[in-house]
Amino acid sequence: MAINPGATASTNPAGTGDSHQGINAPDLQLFVFALFFIFGGITSLNDVIIPKLKELFDLNFFRASLVQVWFFVAYAVVGIPGARLVKRIGYMRGAVAGLATMIVGCLLFIPASKTATFGVFLLAYFVLATGVVLVQIVANPLISLLGKPETASSRLTFAQAFNSLGTTIFPYFGAILILGGLATVTAKQLSGPALDAYRTQESQAIVHGYLGIAAALAVVAAVVWLFRNRLKGEQHEASSLAQGLALLKRTRFGFGALCIFLYVGAEVAIGSFLVSYLVQSNVLGLTPEAGGKLIPFYWGGALIGRFIGSAVLRVVNPGKVLAFNAVGAIMLILVSINTTGTTSGYALLAVGLMNSIMFPTIFTLACEKLGRRAADGSGIINVAIAGGAVIPAIYGALADHTSLRLALALPIACYVVIAAFGLYARKPATDFADA
């Protein structure tokens, strides 16, 4: 169907209360759903890559966590400049720029493998993540515009389900491709040219995986380019970093932004070291490939929980639901720490179910009644996603000095703060005076 020529686009993904004319374009909705699927899957694939690189380069847990550090620090570095770029060139061209950058990141795994250098792998992840951030900047607000304003919330929830679908599917096949068929020797047993040759050979699985992703991205980018002029009369509100940072003075928003930082950090920290945790002899004692195949249970729990949560949140106070899920995550982690075998392993995997509603609920509660400043608030929260770079690194360092079990005290602390925010935000927000 043709897009209404008079439709305008706003960079306000949270909504400001101002009406806008929806864009009747179901074909573009499918494209946005595909974007959610792609960047969700690529992000979760890191959980499979980390144990592979840890073995190849004989890394401790802290150094292995640098994969997530370089990936999620892109949100802090690229978030605001990326938003300005999208405002200047528009949503569709912004999506193409993001997809093209992701392709470059995928291709950088070729020199990373040939040089057998961990630093080049990290560079590839940063470039790849830069593209993911650009695509996410486009996808979040655009899906709210593609249809009637009164159904924007349901479209966002449905789009997030595609994100969870990607995080569930990618790790399973990634585990088969990347962690399957490990060599009979290890990097610890080699040195010099033999070690370099081993790293190059064993990292080919990573290269082949990302080359496949690059080919798929190229097809999507070509299709998006054909639709680059579909959004007529696109308009964007001007905003500044100072305007966004000023919102942190508002207790509710500042508390919520902190919780986004902690939530993403806790979720990524647990996911990053799930394989290493599950393969322990006192947990499930699995091979790395078998452990990797269980990661979809962690992310699949979030997929199921979003469908359940969308119904529950219609009848139960969101703040109370958030607090309940945070406490549930704490209890599951405590069970995992204090048990062994199947109970320990599956209790930690079940934390994904508790994570399901946290990001959208924290986001909604933090940005409640921001009015015309909601776009600025969304930008700051996008930067707060960089918690996925900080918390996993601290978790890795703790694991090196204690153990993977004891290091779980860090995500517990994160969920305690999130539970407190849920209880605090269960009361309606006060009106925010637009300056």
Protein backbone atom coordinates (compact mmCIF):
# COMPACT_ATOMS: atom_id res chain seq x y z
CA MET A 1 0.00 0.00 0.00
CA ALA A 2 1.13 3.55 -0.65
CA ILE A 3 2.30 5.71 2.20
CA ASN A 4 0.28 8.79 3.00
CA PRO A 5 2.32 11.62 1.45
CA GLY A 6 1.44 13.89 4.33
CA ALA A 7 2.68 11.55 7.04
CA THR A 8 5.42 12.93 9.22
CA ALA A 9 8.05 11.08 11.21
CA SER A 10 9.24 11.88 14.68
CA THR A 11 12.30 10.59 16.46
CA ASN A 12 10.26 10.09 19.59
CA PRO A 13 9.96 6.34 20.13
CA ALA A 14 8.36 6.63 23.50
CA GLY A 15 5.62 8.91 22.38
CA THR A 16 5.05 12.43 23.56
CA GLY A 17 1.34 12.60 23.68
CA ASP A 18 1.29 14.59 20.47
CA SER A 19 -0.76 13.00 17.72
CA HIS A 20 0.82 12.03 14.47
CA GLN A 21 -0.65 10.58 11.33
CA GLY A 22 0.21 6.91 11.08
CA ILE A 23 1.84 5.50 7.96
CA ASN A 24 -0.14 2.67 6.40
CA ALA A 25 2.73 0.52 5.13
CA PRO A 26 2.56 -3.15 6.16
CA ASP A 27 5.46 -4.00 3.86
CA LEU A 28 7.71 -1.64 5.81
CA GLN A 29 6.49 -3.19 9.07
CA LEU A 30 7.85 -6.53 7.86
CA PHE A 31 11.17 -4.85 7.14
CA VAL A 32 11.34 -3.40 10.66
CA PHE A 33 10.43 -6.77 12.20
CA ALA A 34 13.34 -8.23 10.21
CA LEU A 35 15.66 -5.58 11.66
CA PHE A 36 14.62 -6.48 15.21
CA PHE A 37 15.25 -10.16 14.43
CA ILE A 38 18.69 -9.44 12.96
CA PHE A 39 20.15 -7.19 15.64
CA GLY A 40 18.74 -9.36 18.42
CA GLY A 41 20.30 -12.48 16.94
CA ILE A 42 23.69 -10.89 16.27
CA THR A 43 23.87 -9.55 19.83
CA SER A 44 23.11 -12.95 21.42
CA LEU A 45 25.63 -14.68 19.13
CA ASN A 46 28.36 -13.13 21.29
CA ASP A 47 27.47 -15.66 24.00
CA VAL A 48 28.66 -18.45 21.70
CA ILE A 49 31.72 -16.60 20.40
CA ILE A 50 33.15 -15.82 23.85
CA PRO A 51 33.97 -19.42 24.92
CA LYS A 52 35.52 -20.04 21.48
CA LEU A 53 37.82 -17.01 21.68
CA LYS A 54 38.56 -17.76 25.34
CA GLU A 55 40.03 -21.12 24.30
CA LEU A 56 41.79 -19.89 21.16
CA PHE A 57 43.59 -17.05 22.90
CA ASP A 58 43.85 -18.68 26.36
CA LEU A 59 41.95 -15.78 27.94
CA ASN A 60 40.89 -15.34 31.54
CA PHE A 61 37.26 -14.40 32.17
CA PHE A 62 38.01 -10.66 32.30
CA ARG A 63 39.78 -10.60 28.93
CA ALA A 64 37.05 -12.78 27.41
CA SER A 65 34.48 -10.23 28.60
CA LEU A 66 36.16 -7.61 26.39
CA VAL A 67 34.07 -8.96 23.51
CA GLN A 68 30.97 -7.59 25.25
CA VAL A 69 32.83 -4.47 26.39
CA TRP A 70 33.74 -3.49 22.84
CA PHE A 71 30.32 -4.46 21.55
CA PHE A 72 28.22 -2.54 24.07
CA VAL A 73 30.52 0.46 24.46
CA ALA A 74 29.36 1.30 20.94
CA TYR A 75 26.00 2.30 22.45
CA ALA A 76 27.74 4.97 24.52
CA VAL A 77 30.04 6.12 21.71
CA VAL A 78 27.68 5.94 18.74
CA GLY A 79 24.22 6.43 20.31
CA ILE A 80 23.93 10.22 20.19
CA PRO A 81 26.02 10.84 17.02
CA GLY A 82 24.07 8.03 15.35
CA ALA A 83 20.77 9.67 16.24
CA ARG A 84 21.99 12.93 14.70
CA LEU A 85 22.99 11.06 11.53
CA VAL A 86 19.57 9.44 11.24
CA LYS A 87 17.90 12.83 11.73
CA ARG A 88 20.00 14.24 8.88
CA ILE A 89 19.63 11.45 6.30
CA GLY A 90 16.28 9.94 7.35
CA TYR A 91 15.12 6.57 8.62
CA MET A 92 15.48 4.46 5.48
CA ARG A 93 18.93 5.74 4.51
CA GLY A 94 19.91 5.49 8.17
CA ALA A 95 18.92 1.82 8.13
CA VAL A 96 21.04 1.26 5.02
CA ALA A 97 23.99 3.00 6.70
CA GLY A 98 23.59 0.74 9.72
CA LEU A 99 23.31 -2.44 7.65
CA ALA A 100 26.33 -1.45 5.54
CA THR A 101 28.36 -0.84 8.69
CA MET A 102 27.32 -4.25 10.02
CA ILE A 103 28.52 -5.83 6.76
CA VAL A 104 31.92 -4.14 7.17
CA GLY A 105 32.09 -5.47 10.74
CA CYS A 106 31.35 -9.00 9.51
CA LEU A 107 34.04 -8.76 6.81
CA LEU A 108 36.62 -7.63 9.40
CA PHE A 109 36.52 -11.15 10.85
CA ILE A 110 38.53 -12.24 7.79
CA PRO A 111 41.68 -10.25 8.70
CA ALA A 112 41.03 -11.04 12.36
CA SER A 113 41.28 -14.75 11.57
CA LYS A 114 44.22 -14.44 9.18
CA THR A 115 46.29 -12.40 11.64
CA ALA A 116 45.13 -14.54 14.60
CA THR A 117 45.01 -11.35 16.67
CA PHE A 118 42.47 -10.91 19.47
CA GLY A 119 42.59 -7.12 19.11
CA VAL A 120 41.40 -7.31 15.50
CA PHE A 121 38.47 -9.48 16.62
CA LEU A 122 37.55 -6.76 19.12
CA LEU A 123 37.74 -4.11 16.39
CA ALA A 124 35.41 -6.23 14.24
CA TYR A 125 32.92 -6.44 17.11
CA PHE A 126 33.00 -2.68 17.67
CA VAL A 127 32.32 -1.95 13.99
CA LEU A 128 29.59 -4.59 13.91
CA ALA A 129 28.01 -3.10 17.03
CA THR A 130 28.17 0.40 15.54
CA GLY A 131 25.94 -0.83 12.74
CA VAL A 132 23.61 -2.54 15.23
CA VAL A 133 23.22 0.73 17.16
CA LEU A 134 22.35 2.64 13.97
CA VAL A 135 19.78 0.02 12.99
CA GLN A 136 18.29 0.08 16.49
CA ILE A 137 18.06 3.89 16.42
CA VAL A 138 15.97 3.54 13.25
CA ALA A 139 13.86 0.53 14.23
CA ASN A 140 12.56 1.66 17.63
CA PRO A 141 10.83 4.90 16.57
CA LEU A 142 9.97 3.78 13.05
CA ILE A 143 7.81 0.84 14.15
CA SER A 144 5.67 3.25 16.20
CA LEU A 145 4.98 5.29 13.07
CA LEU A 146 4.00 2.42 10.76
CA GLY A 147 0.32 2.18 11.62
CA LYS A 148 -2.33 3.77 13.75
CA PRO A 149 -1.02 5.75 16.76
CA GLU A 150 -3.40 3.98 19.14
CA THR A 151 -1.89 0.59 18.27
CA ALA A 152 1.76 1.67 18.49
CA SER A 153 2.28 -0.11 21.82
CA SER A 154 1.12 -3.46 20.47
CA ARG A 155 3.38 -3.11 17.42
CA LEU A 156 6.38 -2.38 19.65
CA THR A 157 5.63 -5.44 21.78
CA PHE A 158 5.22 -7.60 18.68
CA ALA A 159 8.49 -6.26 17.24
CA GLN A 160 10.30 -7.08 20.48
CA ALA A 161 9.08 -10.65 20.11
CA PHE A 162 11.01 -10.81 16.82
CA ASN A 163 14.06 -9.54 18.70
CA SER A 164 13.67 -12.38 21.22
CA LEU A 165 13.15 -14.86 18.38
CA GLY A 166 16.52 -13.84 16.97
CA THR A 167 18.23 -14.18 20.36
CA THR A 168 16.75 -17.67 20.67
CA ILE A 169 17.60 -19.03 17.20
CA PHE A 170 21.07 -17.57 16.51
CA PRO A 171 22.90 -19.08 19.53
CA TYR A 172 21.61 -22.59 18.80
CA PHE A 173 22.93 -22.73 15.25
CA GLY A 174 25.97 -20.69 16.27
CA ALA A 175 26.84 -23.36 18.83
CA ILE A 176 26.68 -26.06 16.15
CA LEU A 177 28.77 -24.10 13.66
CA ILE A 178 31.29 -22.43 15.98
CA LEU A 179 31.58 -24.68 19.03
CA GLY A 180 31.01 -28.02 17.28
CA GLY A 181 33.93 -30.23 16.31
CA LEU A 182 36.55 -28.68 18.56
CA ALA A 183 40.11 -29.72 17.80
CA THR A 184 41.85 -32.48 19.74
CA VAL A 185 44.52 -30.04 20.91
CA THR A 186 44.16 -26.71 22.69
CA ALA A 187 45.89 -23.36 22.39
CA LYS A 188 47.66 -24.00 25.71
CA GLN A 189 49.56 -26.90 24.15
CA LEU A 190 50.95 -24.87 21.23
CA SER A 191 53.26 -21.93 20.67
CA GLY A 192 54.82 -19.88 17.89
CA PRO A 193 53.79 -20.55 14.26
CA ALA A 194 51.87 -23.68 15.27
CA LEU A 195 49.72 -21.64 17.63
CA ASP A 196 49.04 -18.99 14.97
CA ALA A 197 48.09 -21.68 12.45
CA TYR A 198 45.78 -23.32 14.99
CA ARG A 199 44.03 -20.04 15.77
CA THR A 200 43.59 -19.26 12.07
CA GLN A 201 42.20 -22.71 11.34
CA GLU A 202 39.85 -22.86 14.33
CA SER A 203 38.52 -19.31 13.83
CA GLN A 204 37.40 -20.15 10.29
CA ALA A 205 34.07 -21.29 11.71
CA ILE A 206 33.55 -17.79 13.10
CA VAL A 207 34.51 -16.25 9.75
CA HIS A 208 32.14 -18.49 7.80
CA GLY A 209 29.29 -17.69 10.18
CA TYR A 210 29.71 -13.95 9.85
CA LEU A 211 30.22 -14.13 6.08
CA GLY A 212 26.82 -15.81 5.90
CA ILE A 213 25.35 -13.04 8.02
CA ALA A 214 27.04 -10.43 5.79
CA ALA A 215 25.42 -11.95 2.69
CA ALA A 216 21.99 -11.86 4.33
CA LEU A 217 22.56 -8.26 5.45
CA ALA A 218 23.52 -7.27 1.90
CA VAL A 219 20.19 -8.58 0.60
CA VAL A 220 18.25 -6.71 3.29
CA ALA A 221 20.24 -3.51 2.65
CA ALA A 222 19.52 -3.71 -1.09
CA VAL A 223 15.79 -4.09 -0.44
CA VAL A 224 15.79 -1.17 2.02
CA TRP A 225 17.64 0.99 -0.52
CA LEU A 226 14.86 0.39 -3.02
CA PHE A 227 12.43 1.83 -0.45
CA ARG A 228 14.68 4.75 0.54
CA ASN A 229 12.18 7.38 -0.66
CA ARG A 230 9.05 5.80 0.81
CA LEU A 231 8.78 8.11 3.83
CA LYS A 232 7.58 11.43 2.43
CA GLY A 233 7.63 14.59 4.51
CA GLU A 234 9.83 13.03 7.19
CA GLN A 235 10.53 15.47 10.04
CA HIS A 236 12.67 15.27 13.16
CA GLU A 237 12.74 17.30 16.35
CA ALA A 238 15.99 19.00 17.32
CA SER A 239 17.54 17.99 20.63
CA SER A 240 20.88 18.30 22.38
CA LEU A 241 22.98 16.25 24.76
CA ALA A 242 22.56 18.92 27.43
CA GLN A 243 18.77 18.63 27.22
CA GLY A 244 18.96 14.90 27.68
CA LEU A 245 21.41 15.00 30.59
CA ALA A 246 19.23 17.54 32.37
CA LEU A 247 16.55 14.86 32.65
CA LEU A 248 18.79 12.87 34.97
CA LYS A 249 18.00 15.44 37.66
CA ARG A 250 14.48 14.03 37.72
CA THR A 251 14.63 11.23 40.32
CA ARG A 252 12.29 8.86 38.53
CA PHE A 253 14.09 9.15 35.21
CA GLY A 254 17.60 9.05 36.69
CA PHE A 255 16.72 5.98 38.77
CA GLY A 256 15.22 4.32 35.68
CA ALA A 257 18.25 5.09 33.50
CA LEU A 258 20.48 3.53 36.16
CA CYS A 259 18.28 0.43 36.14
CA ILE A 260 18.54 0.11 32.35
CA PHE A 261 22.33 0.22 32.79
CA LEU A 262 22.21 -2.47 35.49
CA TYR A 263 19.59 -4.65 33.77
CA VAL A 264 21.40 -4.85 30.43
CA GLY A 265 24.67 -5.44 32.28
CA ALA A 266 23.24 -8.26 34.40
CA GLU A 267 21.48 -9.93 31.47
CA VAL A 268 24.58 -9.79 29.26
CA ALA A 269 26.95 -10.86 32.05
CA ILE A 270 24.94 -14.01 32.76
CA GLY A 271 24.51 -14.81 29.06
CA SER A 272 28.18 -14.21 28.26
CA PHE A 273 29.44 -16.85 30.66
CA LEU A 274 26.54 -19.32 30.51
CA VAL A 275 28.51 -21.82 28.46
CA SER A 276 31.49 -21.62 30.82
CA TYR A 277 29.12 -22.02 33.77
CA LEU A 278 27.17 -24.98 32.36
CA VAL A 279 30.24 -26.98 31.30
CA GLN A 280 31.58 -27.05 34.87
CA SER A 281 31.71 -30.56 36.30
CA ASN A 282 29.60 -29.57 39.32
CA VAL A 283 26.88 -28.04 37.14
CA LEU A 284 25.97 -29.94 33.94
CA GLY A 285 29.43 -31.09 32.86
CA LEU A 286 28.61 -30.57 29.17
CA THR A 287 30.81 -30.08 26.14
CA PRO A 288 31.04 -26.46 24.90
CA GLU A 289 28.78 -27.28 21.93
CA ALA A 290 26.14 -28.89 24.14
CA GLY A 291 26.34 -25.96 26.57
CA GLY A 292 25.92 -23.52 23.69
CA LYS A 293 22.78 -25.31 22.54
CA LEU A 294 21.19 -24.53 25.91
CA ILE A 295 21.64 -20.75 25.54
CA PRO A 296 18.34 -20.54 23.59
CA PHE A 297 16.56 -21.60 26.80
CA TYR A 298 17.90 -18.42 28.44
CA TRP A 299 16.84 -16.11 25.61
CA GLY A 300 13.75 -18.19 24.80
CA GLY A 301 12.56 -17.60 28.35
CA ALA A 302 12.55 -13.89 27.56
CA LEU A 303 10.51 -14.60 24.41
CA ILE A 304 7.86 -16.54 26.33
CA GLY A 305 7.89 -14.09 29.20
CA ARG A 306 7.13 -11.17 26.91
CA PHE A 307 3.93 -12.78 25.70
CA ILE A 308 2.90 -13.62 29.27
CA GLY A 309 4.00 -10.23 30.56
CA SER A 310 2.08 -8.30 27.91
CA ALA A 311 -1.12 -9.85 29.26
CA VAL A 312 -0.20 -9.51 32.94
CA LEU A 313 0.79 -5.85 32.58
CA ARG A 314 -2.73 -5.04 31.38
CA VAL A 315 -4.17 -5.89 34.79
CA VAL A 316 -1.29 -5.60 37.28
CA ASN A 317 0.67 -2.48 38.24
CA PRO A 318 3.88 -2.42 36.09
CA GLY A 319 6.05 -1.36 39.02
CA LYS A 320 4.88 -4.35 41.07
CA VAL A 321 5.43 -6.72 38.14
CA LEU A 322 8.97 -5.36 37.69
CA ALA A 323 9.73 -5.81 41.40
CA PHE A 324 8.29 -9.34 41.34
CA ASN A 325 10.43 -10.36 38.35
CA ALA A 326 13.57 -8.85 39.86
CA VAL A 327 13.02 -10.76 43.10
CA GLY A 328 12.34 -13.89 41.04
CA ALA A 329 15.68 -13.45 39.25
CA ILE A 330 17.45 -13.05 42.60
CA MET A 331 15.86 -16.23 43.98
CA LEU A 332 16.78 -18.26 40.87
CA ILE A 333 20.41 -17.11 41.02
CA LEU A 334 20.59 -17.99 44.72
CA VAL A 335 19.22 -21.46 43.93
CA SER A 336 21.86 -21.88 41.21
CA ILE A 337 24.68 -20.78 43.51
CA ASN A 338 23.66 -23.10 46.33
CA THR A 339 22.92 -26.26 44.33
CA THR A 340 24.73 -28.46 41.82
CA GLY A 341 23.89 -30.44 38.71
CA THR A 342 20.68 -29.98 36.77
CA THR A 343 19.05 -27.75 39.38
CA SER A 344 21.97 -25.33 39.36
CA GLY A 345 22.18 -25.15 35.57
CA TYR A 346 18.50 -24.77 34.76
CA ALA A 347 17.88 -22.33 37.61
CA LEU A 348 20.35 -19.93 36.00
CA LEU A 349 18.84 -20.50 32.54
CA ALA A 350 15.40 -19.65 33.99
CA VAL A 351 16.60 -16.14 34.85
CA GLY A 352 15.87 -15.32 31.20
CA LEU A 353 12.16 -15.70 31.92
CA MET A 354 12.42 -13.13 34.71
CA ASN A 355 14.33 -10.74 32.44
CA SER A 356 11.56 -10.73 29.83
CA ILE A 357 9.56 -7.64 30.79
CA MET A 358 12.34 -5.67 32.46
CA PHE A 359 13.66 -3.47 29.64
CA PRO A 360 10.32 -2.23 28.25
CA THR A 361 8.85 -1.84 31.75
CA ILE A 362 11.82 0.11 33.11
CA PHE A 363 11.84 2.25 29.97
CA THR A 364 8.12 3.02 30.21
CA LEU A 365 8.19 3.80 33.93
CA ALA A 366 11.28 6.00 33.62
CA CYS A 367 9.90 8.02 30.69
CA GLU A 368 6.36 8.33 32.05
CA LYS A 369 4.99 11.87 31.64
CA LEU A 370 8.15 13.33 30.13
CA GLY A 371 5.97 14.98 27.50
CA ARG A 372 7.93 16.71 24.76
CA ARG A 373 11.19 15.62 26.41
CA ALA A 374 10.50 11.92 25.83
CA ALA A 375 12.78 11.85 22.77
CA ASP A 376 15.67 13.21 24.85
CA GLY A 377 14.93 10.63 27.51
CA SER A 378 14.98 7.84 24.94
CA GLY A 379 18.41 8.97 23.74
CA ILE A 380 19.90 8.92 27.23
CA ILE A 381 18.47 5.47 27.93
CA ASN A 382 19.98 4.26 24.66
CA VAL A 383 23.37 5.33 26.03
CA ALA A 384 22.61 3.53 29.32
CA ILE A 385 22.56 0.25 27.36
CA ALA A 386 26.35 0.53 27.64
CA GLY A 387 25.89 -1.26 30.95
CA GLY A 388 26.36 -4.33 28.76
CA ALA A 389 30.00 -3.27 28.43
CA VAL A 390 30.72 -2.49 32.09
CA ILE A 391 28.93 -5.13 34.18
CA PRO A 392 30.22 -8.19 32.24
CA ALA A 393 33.80 -6.91 32.57
CA ILE A 394 33.41 -6.57 36.33
CA TYR A 395 31.75 -9.99 36.44
CA GLY A 396 34.69 -11.50 34.54
CA ALA A 397 37.21 -9.91 36.88
CA LEU A 398 35.30 -11.23 39.91
CA ALA A 399 35.17 -14.70 38.38
CA ASP A 400 38.92 -14.67 37.85
CA HIS A 401 39.54 -13.80 41.51
CA THR A 402 36.79 -16.01 43.00
CA SER A 403 34.64 -18.29 40.83
CA LEU A 404 31.79 -18.08 38.33
CA ARG A 405 29.39 -18.99 41.14
CA LEU A 406 30.50 -16.34 43.59
CA ALA A 407 30.68 -13.71 40.85
CA LEU A 408 26.91 -14.10 40.47
CA ALA A 409 26.65 -11.83 43.51
CA LEU A 410 27.10 -8.94 41.04
CA PRO A 411 23.92 -9.56 38.99
CA ILE A 412 22.09 -10.19 42.27
CA ALA A 413 23.07 -6.68 43.37
CA CYS A 414 21.81 -5.32 40.03
CA TYR A 415 18.44 -6.99 40.46
CA VAL A 416 18.12 -5.67 44.02
CA VAL A 417 18.33 -2.11 42.68
CA ILE A 418 15.83 -2.93 39.91
CA ALA A 419 13.39 -4.36 42.46
CA ALA A 420 13.71 -1.16 44.48
CA PHE A 421 12.93 0.91 41.38
CA GLY A 422 9.85 -1.20 40.71
CA LEU A 423 8.52 -0.51 44.19
CA TYR A 424 9.40 3.19 43.88
CA ALA A 425 7.76 3.54 40.45
CA ARG A 426 4.58 1.67 41.32
CA LYS A 427 3.04 5.06 42.06
CA PRO A 428 2.04 7.23 39.08
CA ALA A 429 4.61 9.76 37.93
CA THR A 430 4.08 13.44 38.59
CA ASP A 431 3.65 15.78 35.65
CA PHE A 432 6.92 16.99 34.19
CA ALA A 433 7.11 20.66 33.26
CA ASP A 434 8.59 21.02 29.78
CA ALA A 435 11.27 23.64 29.71
